[in-house]
Amino acid sequence: MAAAFAAIGGKWKLTLVYWLAHGECHFAGLRRLVAPITPKVLAEQLRELEADGLVERIVTGPVPAPIIYRLTAYGSTVLPVVEGVRVWGEAHLRRTHGRAASDEPMRCAHAIA
C-alpha cells in the first residue's frame, strides 16, 4: 500500500492519470481539466508521475513550444485502479448527496476506455 500511495496518492495524481488516459495533453490543457490546481502543484505532480515512470513528457520544439504529457505503457497499468476509484466515488456521491459525479466541477464522470 505504501508503494502505491507514494506513486499515485495525493489529491491530484489519480485525476491527472484519469485525464491522460483519455489522450495526451499539454500543460495548459491539463490545468483547465484539473482546475482548481495551481501551476506549481501541477508541475510538481507531473514531475513525480514522470519520475515514477507513469507519465511521459514530450518536448515538441524549442521554447515556448508546448510540452505534451501522455501516459506510458506502465502508466496504463494503473487505469483499473483509477476506474475503480472513479466508480466508487460516483456511488459515494449518490449515497451521501443523492447525485452523480457529473454534477461536480472536476467533471470526471466518464469511464476510461
PDB file of N, CA and C in Angstrom:
ATOM      1  N   MET A   1       0.825  -1.195   0.000  1.00  0.00           N
ATOM      2  CA  MET A   1       0.000   0.000   0.000  1.00  0.00           C
ATOM      3  C   MET A   1       0.868   1.257   0.000  1.00  0.00           C
ATOM      4  N   ALA A   2       1.931   1.249   0.782  1.00  0.00           N
ATOM      5  CA  ALA A   2       2.783   2.435   0.870  1.00  0.00           C
ATOM      6  C   ALA A   2       3.399   2.763  -0.490  1.00  0.00           C
ATOM      7  N   ALA A   3       3.840   1.756  -1.220  1.00  0.00           N
ATOM      8  CA  ALA A   3       4.445   1.991  -2.534  1.00  0.00           C
ATOM      9  C   ALA A   3       3.412   2.559  -3.503  1.00  0.00           C
ATOM     10  N   ALA A   4       2.188   2.041  -3.456  1.00  0.00           N
ATOM     11  CA  ALA A   4       1.130   2.537  -4.341  1.00  0.00           C
ATOM     12  C   ALA A   4       0.789   3.981  -4.004  1.00  0.00           C
ATOM     13  N   PHE A   5       0.634   4.278  -2.725  1.00  0.00           N
ATOM     14  CA  PHE A   5       0.307   5.653  -2.336  1.00  0.00           C
ATOM     15  C   PHE A   5       1.437   6.616  -2.650  1.00  0.00           C
ATOM     16  N   ALA A   6       2.676   6.158  -2.570  1.00  0.00           N
ATOM     17  CA  ALA A   6       3.810   7.021  -2.923  1.00  0.00           C
ATOM     18  C   ALA A   6       3.749   7.393  -4.408  1.00  0.00           C
ATOM     19  N   ALA A   7       3.331   6.466  -5.246  1.00  0.00           N
ATOM     20  CA  ALA A   7       3.304   6.707  -6.693  1.00  0.00           C
ATOM     21  C   ALA A   7       2.043   7.428  -7.151  1.00  0.00           C
ATOM     22  N   ILE A   8       0.879   7.081  -6.603  1.00  0.00           N
ATOM     23  CA  ILE A   8      -0.375   7.631  -7.126  1.00  0.00           C
ATOM     24  C   ILE A   8      -1.251   8.283  -6.070  1.00  0.00           C
ATOM     25  N   GLY A   9      -0.734   8.411  -4.852  1.00  0.00           N
ATOM     26  CA  GLY A   9      -1.523   9.022  -3.784  1.00  0.00           C
ATOM     27  C   GLY A   9      -1.539  10.528  -3.890  1.00  0.00           C
ATOM     28  N   GLY A  10      -2.327  11.133  -3.077  1.00  0.00           N
ATOM     29  CA  GLY A  10      -2.421  12.590  -3.072  1.00  0.00           C
ATOM     30  C   GLY A  10      -3.689  13.062  -3.742  1.00  0.00           C
ATOM     31  N   LYS A  11      -3.863  14.351  -3.736  1.00  0.00           N
ATOM     32  CA  LYS A  11      -5.113  14.941  -4.206  1.00  0.00           C
ATOM     33  C   LYS A  11      -5.267  14.919  -5.721  1.00  0.00           C
ATOM     34  N   TRP A  12      -4.167  14.976  -6.495  1.00  0.00           N
ATOM     35  CA  TRP A  12      -4.277  15.221  -7.923  1.00  0.00           C
ATOM     36  C   TRP A  12      -3.801  14.103  -8.838  1.00  0.00           C
ATOM     37  N   LYS A  13      -2.964  13.213  -8.370  1.00  0.00           N
ATOM     38  CA  LYS A  13      -2.327  12.252  -9.280  1.00  0.00           C
ATOM     39  C   LYS A  13      -3.316  11.339  -9.997  1.00  0.00           C
ATOM     40  N   LEU A  14      -4.269  10.781  -9.283  1.00  0.00           N
ATOM     41  CA  LEU A  14      -5.235   9.905  -9.950  1.00  0.00           C
ATOM     42  C   LEU A  14      -6.069  10.686 -10.967  1.00  0.00           C
ATOM     43  N   THR A  15      -6.382  11.928 -10.651  1.00  0.00           N
ATOM     44  CA  THR A  15      -7.143  12.751 -11.592  1.00  0.00           C
ATOM     45  C   THR A  15      -6.317  13.030 -12.843  1.00  0.00           C
ATOM     46  N   LEU A  16      -5.035  13.305 -12.675  1.00  0.00           N
ATOM     47  CA  LEU A  16      -4.161  13.520 -13.832  1.00  0.00           C
ATOM     48  C   LEU A  16      -4.055  12.267 -14.681  1.00  0.00           C
ATOM     49  N   VAL A  17      -3.880  11.129 -14.045  1.00  0.00           N
ATOM     50  CA  VAL A  17      -3.817   9.865 -14.788  1.00  0.00           C
ATOM     51  C   VAL A  17      -5.131   9.620 -15.509  1.00  0.00           C
ATOM     52  N   TYR A  18      -6.244   9.916 -14.837  1.00  0.00           N
ATOM     53  CA  TYR A  18      -7.567   9.762 -15.447  1.00  0.00           C
ATOM     54  C   TYR A  18      -7.660  10.551 -16.749  1.00  0.00           C
ATOM     55  N   TRP A  19      -7.316  11.833 -16.713  1.00  0.00           N
ATOM     56  CA  TRP A  19      -7.441  12.664 -17.907  1.00  0.00           C
ATOM     57  C   TRP A  19      -6.437  12.254 -18.971  1.00  0.00           C
ATOM     58  N   LEU A  20      -5.239  11.864 -18.582  1.00  0.00           N
ATOM     59  CA  LEU A  20      -4.254  11.426 -19.574  1.00  0.00           C
ATOM     60  C   LEU A  20      -4.650  10.095 -20.207  1.00  0.00           C
ATOM     61  N   ALA A  21      -5.486   9.322 -19.533  1.00  0.00           N
ATOM     62  CA  ALA A  21      -5.998   8.082 -20.123  1.00  0.00           C
ATOM     63  C   ALA A  21      -6.902   8.392 -21.316  1.00  0.00           C
ATOM     64  N   HIS A  22      -7.465   9.577 -21.345  1.00  0.00           N
ATOM     65  CA  HIS A  22      -8.326   9.990 -22.454  1.00  0.00           C
ATOM     66  C   HIS A  22      -7.529  10.543 -23.631  1.00  0.00           C
ATOM     67  N   GLY A  23      -6.235  10.711 -23.455  1.00  0.00           N
ATOM     68  CA  GLY A  23      -5.379  11.197 -24.536  1.00  0.00           C
ATOM     69  C   GLY A  23      -4.314  12.140 -24.019  1.00  0.00           C
ATOM     70  N   GLU A  24      -3.278  12.295 -24.831  1.00  0.00           N
ATOM     71  CA  GLU A  24      -2.199  13.193 -24.424  1.00  0.00           C
ATOM     72  C   GLU A  24      -2.709  14.616 -24.346  1.00  0.00           C
ATOM     73  N   CYS A  25      -2.005  15.429 -23.562  1.00  0.00           N
ATOM     74  CA  CYS A  25      -2.481  16.780 -23.308  1.00  0.00           C
ATOM     75  C   CYS A  25      -1.298  17.668 -22.949  1.00  0.00           C
ATOM     76  N   HIS A  26      -1.399  18.951 -23.283  1.00  0.00           N
ATOM     77  CA  HIS A  26      -0.350  19.873 -22.881  1.00  0.00           C
ATOM     78  C   HIS A  26      -0.674  20.440 -21.502  1.00  0.00           C
ATOM     79  N   PHE A  27       0.303  21.113 -20.925  1.00  0.00           N
ATOM     80  CA  PHE A  27       0.215  21.615 -19.555  1.00  0.00           C
ATOM     81  C   PHE A  27      -1.040  22.469 -19.342  1.00  0.00           C
ATOM     82  N   ALA A  28      -1.268  23.437 -20.225  1.00  0.00           N
ATOM     83  CA  ALA A  28      -2.422  24.332 -20.055  1.00  0.00           C
ATOM     84  C   ALA A  28      -3.739  23.558 -20.143  1.00  0.00           C
ATOM     85  N   GLY A  29      -3.790  22.567 -21.019  1.00  0.00           N
ATOM     86  CA  GLY A  29      -4.994  21.752 -21.131  1.00  0.00           C
ATOM     87  C   GLY A  29      -5.253  20.963 -19.860  1.00  0.00           C
ATOM     88  N   LEU A  30      -4.197  20.392 -19.294  1.00  0.00           N
ATOM     89  CA  LEU A  30      -4.351  19.667 -18.029  1.00  0.00           C
ATOM     90  C   LEU A  30      -4.784  20.612 -16.917  1.00  0.00           C
ATOM     91  N   ARG A  31      -4.219  21.797 -16.914  1.00  0.00           N
ATOM     92  CA  ARG A  31      -4.588  22.763 -15.871  1.00  0.00           C
ATOM     93  C   ARG A  31      -6.075  23.093 -15.944  1.00  0.00           C
ATOM     94  N   ARG A  32      -6.614  23.244 -17.153  1.00  0.00           N
ATOM     95  CA  ARG A  32      -8.049  23.509 -17.309  1.00  0.00           C
ATOM     96  C   ARG A  32      -8.882  22.314 -16.843  1.00  0.00           C
ATOM     97  N   LEU A  33      -8.458  21.111 -17.235  1.00  0.00           N
ATOM     98  CA  LEU A  33      -9.224  19.910 -16.891  1.00  0.00           C
ATOM     99  C   LEU A  33      -9.223  19.635 -15.393  1.00  0.00           C
ATOM    100  N   VAL A  34      -8.118  19.939 -14.730  1.00  0.00           N
ATOM    101  CA  VAL A  34      -7.948  19.569 -13.328  1.00  0.00           C
ATOM    102  C   VAL A  34      -8.165  20.763 -12.406  1.00  0.00           C
ATOM    103  N   ALA A  35      -8.676  21.870 -12.924  1.00  0.00           N
ATOM    104  CA  ALA A  35      -8.923  23.058 -12.098  1.00  0.00           C
ATOM    105  C   ALA A  35      -9.669  22.652 -10.833  1.00  0.00           C
ATOM    106  N   PRO A  36      -9.287  23.203  -9.719  1.00  0.00           N
ATOM    107  CA  PRO A  36      -8.541  24.409  -9.419  1.00  0.00           C
ATOM    108  C   PRO A  36      -7.073  24.184  -9.042  1.00  0.00           C
ATOM    109  N   ILE A  37      -6.381  23.272  -9.661  1.00  0.00           N
ATOM    110  CA  ILE A  37      -4.978  23.026  -9.352  1.00  0.00           C
ATOM    111  C   ILE A  37      -4.131  24.247  -9.746  1.00  0.00           C
ATOM    112  N   THR A  38      -3.123  24.540  -8.940  1.00  0.00           N
ATOM    113  CA  THR A  38      -2.233  25.659  -9.267  1.00  0.00           C
ATOM    114  C   THR A  38      -1.148  25.172 -10.226  1.00  0.00           C
ATOM    115  N   PRO A  39      -0.555  26.073 -11.006  1.00  0.00           N
ATOM    116  CA  PRO A  39       0.522  25.661 -11.916  1.00  0.00           C
ATOM    117  C   PRO A  39       1.687  24.998 -11.185  1.00  0.00           C
ATOM    118  N   LYS A  40       2.019  25.511 -10.012  1.00  0.00           N
ATOM    119  CA  LYS A  40       3.130  24.948  -9.235  1.00  0.00           C
ATOM    120  C   LYS A  40       2.845  23.500  -8.844  1.00  0.00           C
ATOM    121  N   VAL A  41       1.670  23.261  -8.316  1.00  0.00           N
ATOM    122  CA  VAL A  41       1.307  21.907  -7.884  1.00  0.00           C
ATOM    123  C   VAL A  41       1.189  20.981  -9.090  1.00  0.00           C
ATOM    124  N   LEU A  42       0.618  21.466 -10.183  1.00  0.00           N
ATOM    125  CA  LEU A  42       0.509  20.648 -11.390  1.00  0.00           C
ATOM    126  C   LEU A  42       1.890  20.233 -11.868  1.00  0.00           C
ATOM    127  N   ALA A  43       2.823  21.161 -11.925  1.00  0.00           N
ATOM    128  CA  ALA A  43       4.189  20.843 -12.357  1.00  0.00           C
ATOM    129  C   ALA A  43       4.827  19.816 -11.426  1.00  0.00           C
ATOM    130  N   GLU A  44       4.643  19.978 -10.123  1.00  0.00           N
ATOM    131  CA  GLU A  44       5.199  19.025  -9.145  1.00  0.00           C
ATOM    132  C   GLU A  44       4.613  17.630  -9.344  1.00  0.00           C
ATOM    133  N   GLN A  45       3.293  17.570  -9.482  1.00  0.00           N
ATOM    134  CA  GLN A  45       2.630  16.274  -9.635  1.00  0.00           C
ATOM    135  C   GLN A  45       3.062  15.586 -10.931  1.00  0.00           C
ATOM    136  N   LEU A  46       3.163  16.345 -12.023  1.00  0.00           N
ATOM    137  CA  LEU A  46       3.608  15.767 -13.291  1.00  0.00           C
ATOM    138  C   LEU A  46       5.052  15.284 -13.204  1.00  0.00           C
ATOM    139  N   ARG A  47       5.910  16.052 -12.527  1.00  0.00           N
ATOM    140  CA  ARG A  47       7.307  15.614 -12.342  1.00  0.00           C
ATOM    141  C   ARG A  47       7.374  14.310 -11.560  1.00  0.00           C
ATOM    142  N   GLU A  48       6.560  14.196 -10.509  1.00  0.00           N
ATOM    143  CA  GLU A  48       6.549  12.977  -9.701  1.00  0.00           C
ATOM    144  C   GLU A  48       6.022  11.793 -10.509  1.00  0.00           C
ATOM    145  N   LEU A  49       4.957  12.005 -11.266  1.00  0.00           N
ATOM    146  CA  LEU A  49       4.425  10.925 -12.109  1.00  0.00           C
ATOM    147  C   LEU A  49       5.451  10.511 -13.169  1.00  0.00           C
ATOM    148  N   GLU A  50       6.169  11.480 -13.697  1.00  0.00           N
ATOM    149  CA  GLU A  50       7.211  11.175 -14.683  1.00  0.00           C
ATOM    150  C   GLU A  50       8.361  10.408 -14.025  1.00  0.00           C
ATOM    151  N   ALA A  51       8.770  10.822 -12.844  1.00  0.00           N
ATOM    152  CA  ALA A  51       9.855  10.141 -12.127  1.00  0.00           C
ATOM    153  C   ALA A  51       9.497   8.691 -11.819  1.00  0.00           C
ATOM    154  N   ASP A  52       8.219   8.426 -11.578  1.00  0.00           N
ATOM    155  CA  ASP A  52       7.772   7.057 -11.292  1.00  0.00           C
ATOM    156  C   ASP A  52       7.491   6.264 -12.562  1.00  0.00           C
ATOM    157  N   GLY A  53       7.673   6.884 -13.722  1.00  0.00           N
ATOM    158  CA  GLY A  53       7.504   6.177 -14.987  1.00  0.00           C
ATOM    159  C   GLY A  53       6.075   6.044 -15.465  1.00  0.00           C
ATOM    160  N   LEU A  54       5.158   6.804 -14.866  1.00  0.00           N
ATOM    161  CA  LEU A  54       3.746   6.706 -15.236  1.00  0.00           C
ATOM    162  C   LEU A  54       3.363   7.655 -16.360  1.00  0.00           C
ATOM    163  N   VAL A  55       4.075   8.769 -16.448  1.00  0.00           N
ATOM    164  CA  VAL A  55       3.779   9.807 -17.431  1.00  0.00           C
ATOM    165  C   VAL A  55       5.045  10.119 -18.201  1.00  0.00           C
ATOM    166  N   GLU A  56       4.865  10.390 -19.483  1.00  0.00           N
ATOM    167  CA  GLU A  56       5.975  10.765 -20.355  1.00  0.00           C
ATOM    168  C   GLU A  56       5.815  12.234 -20.746  1.00  0.00           C
ATOM    169  N   ARG A  57       6.910  12.952 -20.717  1.00  0.00           N
ATOM    170  CA  ARG A  57       6.942  14.374 -21.082  1.00  0.00           C
ATOM    171  C   ARG A  57       7.581  14.477 -22.456  1.00  0.00           C
ATOM    172  N   ILE A  58       6.875  15.081 -23.412  1.00  0.00           N
ATOM    173  CA  ILE A  58       7.361  15.163 -24.789  1.00  0.00           C
ATOM    174  C   ILE A  58       7.557  16.637 -25.152  1.00  0.00           C
ATOM    175  N   VAL A  59       8.792  16.994 -25.451  1.00  0.00           N
ATOM    176  CA  VAL A  59       9.100  18.354 -25.877  1.00  0.00           C
ATOM    177  C   VAL A  59       8.798  18.435 -27.366  1.00  0.00           C
ATOM    178  N   THR A  60       7.965  19.397 -27.768  1.00  0.00           N
ATOM    179  CA  THR A  60       7.516  19.465 -29.165  1.00  0.00           C
ATOM    180  C   THR A  60       8.331  20.414 -30.025  1.00  0.00           C
ATOM    181  N   GLY A  61       9.282  21.111 -29.448  1.00  0.00           N
ATOM    182  CA  GLY A  61      10.108  22.039 -30.209  1.00  0.00           C
ATOM    183  C   GLY A  61      10.811  22.996 -29.278  1.00  0.00           C
ATOM    184  N   PRO A  62      11.430  24.025 -29.840  1.00  0.00           N
ATOM    185  CA  PRO A  62      12.123  24.990 -28.991  1.00  0.00           C
ATOM    186  C   PRO A  62      11.126  25.806 -28.166  1.00  0.00           C
ATOM    187  N   VAL A  63      11.606  26.301 -27.043  1.00  0.00           N
ATOM    188  CA  VAL A  63      10.785  27.115 -26.153  1.00  0.00           C
ATOM    189  C   VAL A  63      10.273  28.307 -26.952  1.00  0.00           C
ATOM    190  N   PRO A  64       9.016  28.645 -26.926  1.00  0.00           N
ATOM    191  CA  PRO A  64       7.977  28.271 -25.981  1.00  0.00           C
ATOM    192  C   PRO A  64       7.002  27.213 -26.497  1.00  0.00           C
ATOM    193  N   ALA A  65       7.456  26.263 -27.284  1.00  0.00           N
ATOM    194  CA  ALA A  65       6.571  25.198 -27.780  1.00  0.00           C
ATOM    195  C   ALA A  65       5.947  24.458 -26.597  1.00  0.00           C
ATOM    196  N   PRO A  66       4.689  24.043 -26.739  1.00  0.00           N
ATOM    197  CA  PRO A  66       4.045  23.331 -25.623  1.00  0.00           C
ATOM    198  C   PRO A  66       4.693  21.978 -25.370  1.00  0.00           C
ATOM    199  N   ILE A  67       4.675  21.593 -24.119  1.00  0.00           N
ATOM    200  CA  ILE A  67       5.128  20.270 -23.697  1.00  0.00           C
ATOM    201  C   ILE A  67       3.894  19.383 -23.640  1.00  0.00           C
ATOM    202  N   ILE A  68       3.987  18.228 -24.243  1.00  0.00           N
ATOM    203  CA  ILE A  68       2.870  17.290 -24.250  1.00  0.00           C
ATOM    204  C   ILE A  68       3.136  16.219 -23.186  1.00  0.00           C
ATOM    205  N   TYR A  69       2.106  15.848 -22.477  1.00  0.00           N
ATOM    206  CA  TYR A  69       2.185  14.779 -21.477  1.00  0.00           C
ATOM    207  C   TYR A  69       1.277  13.651 -21.926  1.00  0.00           C
ATOM    208  N   ARG A  70       1.754  12.414 -21.714  1.00  0.00           N
ATOM    209  CA  ARG A  70       0.921  11.254 -22.010  1.00  0.00           C
ATOM    210  C   ARG A  70       1.308  10.119 -21.068  1.00  0.00           C
ATOM    211  N   LEU A  71       0.364   9.198 -20.917  1.00  0.00           N
ATOM    212  CA  LEU A  71       0.635   8.020 -20.098  1.00  0.00           C
ATOM    213  C   LEU A  71       1.643   7.129 -20.803  1.00  0.00           C
ATOM    214  N   THR A  72       2.488   6.504 -20.031  1.00  0.00           N
ATOM    215  CA  THR A  72       3.376   5.485 -20.569  1.00  0.00           C
ATOM    216  C   THR A  72       2.615   4.158 -20.546  1.00  0.00           C
ATOM    217  N   ALA A  73       3.208   3.139 -21.144  1.00  0.00           N
ATOM    218  CA  ALA A  73       2.600   1.803 -21.070  1.00  0.00           C
ATOM    219  C   ALA A  73       2.485   1.376 -19.609  1.00  0.00           C
ATOM    220  N   TYR A  74       3.498   1.687 -18.832  1.00  0.00           N
ATOM    221  CA  TYR A  74       3.457   1.364 -17.399  1.00  0.00           C
ATOM    222  C   TYR A  74       2.362   2.175 -16.700  1.00  0.00           C
ATOM    223  N   GLY A  75       2.187   3.428 -17.086  1.00  0.00           N
ATOM    224  CA  GLY A  75       1.139   4.252 -16.505  1.00  0.00           C
ATOM    225  C   GLY A  75      -0.246   3.687 -16.772  1.00  0.00           C
ATOM    226  N   SER A  76      -0.413   3.043 -17.919  1.00  0.00           N
ATOM    227  CA  SER A  76      -1.701   2.434 -18.259  1.00  0.00           C
ATOM    228  C   SER A  76      -2.060   1.284 -17.327  1.00  0.00           C
ATOM    229  N   THR A  77      -1.064   0.694 -16.665  1.00  0.00           N
ATOM    230  CA  THR A  77      -1.352  -0.424 -15.756  1.00  0.00           C
ATOM    231  C   THR A  77      -2.110   0.031 -14.518  1.00  0.00           C
ATOM    232  N   VAL A  78      -2.114   1.320 -14.226  1.00  0.00           N
ATOM    233  CA  VAL A  78      -2.833   1.821 -13.054  1.00  0.00           C
ATOM    234  C   VAL A  78      -4.286   2.192 -13.384  1.00  0.00           C
ATOM    235  N   LEU A  79      -4.669   2.114 -14.651  1.00  0.00           N
ATOM    236  CA  LEU A  79      -6.018   2.520 -15.045  1.00  0.00           C
ATOM    237  C   LEU A  79      -7.132   1.721 -14.369  1.00  0.00           C
ATOM    238  N   PRO A  80      -6.981   0.410 -14.132  1.00  0.00           N
ATOM    239  CA  PRO A  80      -8.054  -0.278 -13.390  1.00  0.00           C
ATOM    240  C   PRO A  80      -8.258   0.307 -11.987  1.00  0.00           C
ATOM    241  N   VAL A  81      -7.198   0.760 -11.357  1.00  0.00           N
ATOM    242  CA  VAL A  81      -7.316   1.396 -10.039  1.00  0.00           C
ATOM    243  C   VAL A  81      -8.054   2.725 -10.175  1.00  0.00           C
ATOM    244  N   VAL A  82      -7.680   3.504 -11.174  1.00  0.00           N
ATOM    245  CA  VAL A  82      -8.318   4.807 -11.405  1.00  0.00           C
ATOM    246  C   VAL A  82      -9.807   4.620 -11.671  1.00  0.00           C
ATOM    247  N   GLU A  83     -10.141   3.677 -12.528  1.00  0.00           N
ATOM    248  CA  GLU A  83     -11.553   3.441 -12.851  1.00  0.00           C
ATOM    249  C   GLU A  83     -12.314   2.947 -11.624  1.00  0.00           C
ATOM    250  N   GLY A  84     -11.695   2.086 -10.839  1.00  0.00           N
ATOM    251  CA  GLY A  84     -12.342   1.614  -9.613  1.00  0.00           C
ATOM    252  C   GLY A  84     -12.620   2.752  -8.644  1.00  0.00           C
ATOM    253  N   VAL A  85     -11.668   3.648  -8.488  1.00  0.00           N
ATOM    254  CA  VAL A  85     -11.852   4.810  -7.606  1.00  0.00           C
ATOM    255  C   VAL A  85     -12.940   5.724  -8.161  1.00  0.00           C
ATOM    256  N   ARG A  86     -12.964   5.928  -9.478  1.00  0.00           N
ATOM    257  CA  ARG A  86     -13.993   6.769 -10.094  1.00  0.00           C
ATOM    258  C   ARG A  86     -15.390   6.204  -9.847  1.00  0.00           C
ATOM    259  N   VAL A  87     -15.551   4.919 -10.076  1.00  0.00           N
ATOM    260  CA  VAL A  87     -16.849   4.268  -9.887  1.00  0.00           C
ATOM    261  C   VAL A  87     -17.274   4.342  -8.420  1.00  0.00           C
ATOM    262  N   TRP A  88     -16.330   4.062  -7.514  1.00  0.00           N
ATOM    263  CA  TRP A  88     -16.636   4.134  -6.095  1.00  0.00           C
ATOM    264  C   TRP A  88     -17.027   5.561  -5.712  1.00  0.00           C
ATOM    265  N   GLY A  89     -16.306   6.549  -6.239  1.00  0.00           N
ATOM    266  CA  GLY A  89     -16.608   7.946  -5.933  1.00  0.00           C
ATOM    267  C   GLY A  89     -18.002   8.347  -6.377  1.00  0.00           C
ATOM    268  N   GLU A  90     -18.400   7.895  -7.565  1.00  0.00           N
ATOM    269  CA  GLU A  90     -19.761   8.186  -8.034  1.00  0.00           C
ATOM    270  C   GLU A  90     -20.804   7.570  -7.103  1.00  0.00           C
ATOM    271  N   ALA A  91     -20.586   6.316  -6.720  1.00  0.00           N
ATOM    272  CA  ALA A  91     -21.523   5.651  -5.809  1.00  0.00           C
ATOM    273  C   ALA A  91     -21.554   6.364  -4.456  1.00  0.00           C
ATOM    274  N   HIS A  92     -20.406   6.805  -4.001  1.00  0.00           N
ATOM    275  CA  HIS A  92     -20.331   7.519  -2.722  1.00  0.00           C
ATOM    276  C   HIS A  92     -21.102   8.840  -2.786  1.00  0.00           C
ATOM    277  N   LEU A  93     -20.956   9.573  -3.893  1.00  0.00           N
ATOM    278  CA  LEU A  93     -21.704  10.823  -4.041  1.00  0.00           C
ATOM    279  C   LEU A  93     -23.206  10.578  -4.069  1.00  0.00           C
ATOM    280  N   ARG A  94     -23.624   9.530  -4.796  1.00  0.00           N
ATOM    281  CA  ARG A  94     -25.063   9.215  -4.831  1.00  0.00           C
ATOM    282  C   ARG A  94     -25.561   8.847  -3.436  1.00  0.00           C
ATOM    283  N   ARG A  95     -24.762   8.084  -2.707  1.00  0.00           N
ATOM    284  CA  ARG A  95     -25.165   7.635  -1.371  1.00  0.00           C
ATOM    285  C   ARG A  95     -25.227   8.795  -0.385  1.00  0.00           C
ATOM    286  N   THR A  96     -24.242   9.685  -0.447  1.00  0.00           N
ATOM    287  CA  THR A  96     -24.170  10.746   0.560  1.00  0.00           C
ATOM    288  C   THR A  96     -24.849  12.041   0.151  1.00  0.00           C
ATOM    289  N   HIS A  97     -24.949  12.299  -1.152  1.00  0.00           N
ATOM    290  CA  HIS A  97     -25.522  13.566  -1.599  1.00  0.00           C
ATOM    291  C   HIS A  97     -26.669  13.403  -2.592  1.00  0.00           C
ATOM    292  N   GLY A  98     -26.937  12.175  -3.004  1.00  0.00           N
ATOM    293  CA  GLY A  98     -28.016  11.934  -3.939  1.00  0.00           C
ATOM    294  C   GLY A  98     -27.758  12.441  -5.343  1.00  0.00           C
ATOM    295  N   ARG A  99     -26.472  12.525  -5.739  1.00  0.00           N
ATOM    296  CA  ARG A  99     -26.158  12.991  -7.088  1.00  0.00           C
ATOM    297  C   ARG A  99     -24.915  12.280  -7.613  1.00  0.00           C
ATOM    298  N   ALA A 100     -24.739  12.363  -8.917  1.00  0.00           N
ATOM    299  CA  ALA A 100     -23.596  11.716  -9.563  1.00  0.00           C
ATOM    300  C   ALA A 100     -22.436  12.686  -9.691  1.00  0.00           C
ATOM    301  N   ALA A 101     -21.264  12.163  -9.998  1.00  0.00           N
ATOM    302  CA  ALA A 101     -20.053  12.970 -10.109  1.00  0.00           C
ATOM    303  C   ALA A 101     -20.140  13.991 -11.230  1.00  0.00           C
ATOM    304  N   SER A 102     -21.012  13.773 -12.214  1.00  0.00           N
ATOM    305  CA  SER A 102     -21.102  14.727 -13.326  1.00  0.00           C
ATOM    306  C   SER A 102     -21.567  16.100 -12.857  1.00  0.00           C
ATOM    307  N   ASP A 103     -22.162  16.180 -11.658  1.00  0.00           N
ATOM    308  CA  ASP A 103     -22.564  17.465 -11.102  1.00  0.00           C
ATOM    309  C   ASP A 103     -21.388  18.207 -10.481  1.00  0.00           C
ATOM    310  N   GLU A 104     -20.262  17.547 -10.309  1.00  0.00           N
ATOM    311  CA  GLU A 104     -19.114  18.127  -9.638  1.00  0.00           C
ATOM    312  C   GLU A 104     -18.244  18.900 -10.615  1.00  0.00           C
ATOM    313  N   PRO A 105     -17.504  19.903 -10.160  1.00  0.00           N
ATOM    314  CA  PRO A 105     -16.703  20.737 -11.041  1.00  0.00           C
ATOM    315  C   PRO A 105     -15.557  20.007 -11.740  1.00  0.00           C
ATOM    316  N   MET A 106     -15.058  18.875 -11.215  1.00  0.00           N
ATOM    317  CA  MET A 106     -13.939  18.215 -11.874  1.00  0.00           C
ATOM    318  C   MET A 106     -14.375  17.429 -13.093  1.00  0.00           C
ATOM    319  N   ARG A 107     -15.632  17.189 -13.274  1.00  0.00           N
ATOM    320  CA  ARG A 107     -16.159  16.558 -14.473  1.00  0.00           C
ATOM    321  C   ARG A 107     -15.519  15.195 -14.780  1.00  0.00           C
ATOM    322  N   CYS A 108     -15.205  14.422 -13.789  1.00  0.00           N
ATOM    323  CA  CYS A 108     -14.561  13.120 -14.007  1.00  0.00           C
ATOM    324  C   CYS A 108     -15.594  12.007 -14.047  1.00  0.00           C
ATOM    325  N   ALA A 109     -16.650  12.169 -14.777  1.00  0.00           N
ATOM    326  CA  ALA A 109     -17.729  11.194 -14.774  1.00  0.00           C
ATOM    327  C   ALA A 109     -17.736  10.289 -15.994  1.00  0.00           C
ATOM    328  N   HIS A 110     -16.688  10.302 -16.780  1.00  0.00           N
ATOM    329  CA  HIS A 110     -16.647   9.491 -17.978  1.00  0.00           C
ATOM    330  C   HIS A 110     -15.723   8.298 -17.779  1.00  0.00           C
ATOM    331  N   ALA A 111     -16.216   7.121 -18.122  1.00  0.00           N
ATOM    332  CA  ALA A 111     -15.413   5.914 -17.973  1.00  0.00           C
ATOM    333  C   ALA A 111     -14.158   5.981 -18.842  1.00  0.00           C
ATOM    334  N   ILE A 112     -13.131   5.326 -18.362  1.00  0.00           N
ATOM    335  CA  ILE A 112     -11.892   5.226 -19.135  1.00  0.00           C
ATOM    336  C   ILE A 112     -12.076   4.124 -20.156  1.00  0.00           C
ATOM    337  N   ALA A 113     -11.792   4.439 -21.398  1.00  0.00           N
ATOM    338  CA  ALA A 113     -11.958   3.464 -22.482  1.00  0.00           C
ATOM    339  C   ALA A 113     -10.918   2.367 -22.404  1.00  0.00           C
TER     340      ALA A 113
END
